[in-house]
């Protein structure tokens, strides 16, 4: 197992020993918001340079306490220090994809495309669609689709984002062409993409890759400034993340996040965190188990976030 804090470098491979997995409690909505494959992979983008920090976070004990397999990647974009823990192992990304797909739709169509009408039929409707279920037989604008998918993790809206990109295959092509992401493997629509069966690499990614993609969309200049501001604002107002990464940051900090939940106890969150008067921190926390039907534990993500911020020197040690 490798736990490290260091300035980021272009490619770090981790040979990680899987933690024991067992049944767990607590969770979120039925497959609206990850499970995985343990083989480390090479990330397709990252930034920076060099050496280790003497105080790695206590992420291993958190994973053991909650009986999960855990993947974490975070980078302080100001200092370039990073925290890594099984960062290149695969997990089902679940609903975290909705933030990335929204960014790619904005890249493709711009703000003008937000007024595009999208028909919602009864056949389109998927479970856990609290917003789009009110529009059956009507239309939603792409603005409303993005809002529903990102802020409420609406599965039908998430599928409409995939359709706008040419389906799961088109989403994968857009990830590669726009973000240089050759790690993430889109294959299916909601809700099947959140199955997260152990050993199945479909609809999986890694903590490092998801954080790298989110950084490109929300912090770097992949999106024009107006589109980037729109996506940031939408993610700032997310309604599903109060007990995950947001619960692990000090009061007064700003968080733009997207959660994910899947079968086999999968629980994820990816975020950009803005401490007061500092450059942002980009973080992805992915967790899963081997037991079908087990629930994800939000505390895993909140506790991991606190340890990451301590390791980066942004909050006092416990």
Foldseek 3Di string as FASTA:
>chain_A
DDKWKFQDDWWDWDDDDWDAADFAADADDAQLFKAFEFDFDIWQGDDDDDDTDPDTFPLVVLCVVRRWGKWKWKAFVFVSIMIGDSQRGKMQRGLQVLLLLLLLLCLVPNPVQQQDWDAAAPVLADPQAVPCVVAHVHTDGLVVLSLSCFQRSGQSSSQVSCVSQPHQVSSQVSCCVLQVGPFAAEDHGPRVSQARAYPDRHNMGGFVNSLSSVCCQQPNPSDPPVSNVSSQVSQQNRDPQCLAQVLQDDPPKTKRKGWGFHFQAKTKMWIWIGDPPGGIMTMIMIIGGNDGPGHHDRVSRNVVNNRRCCSVVNDPDD
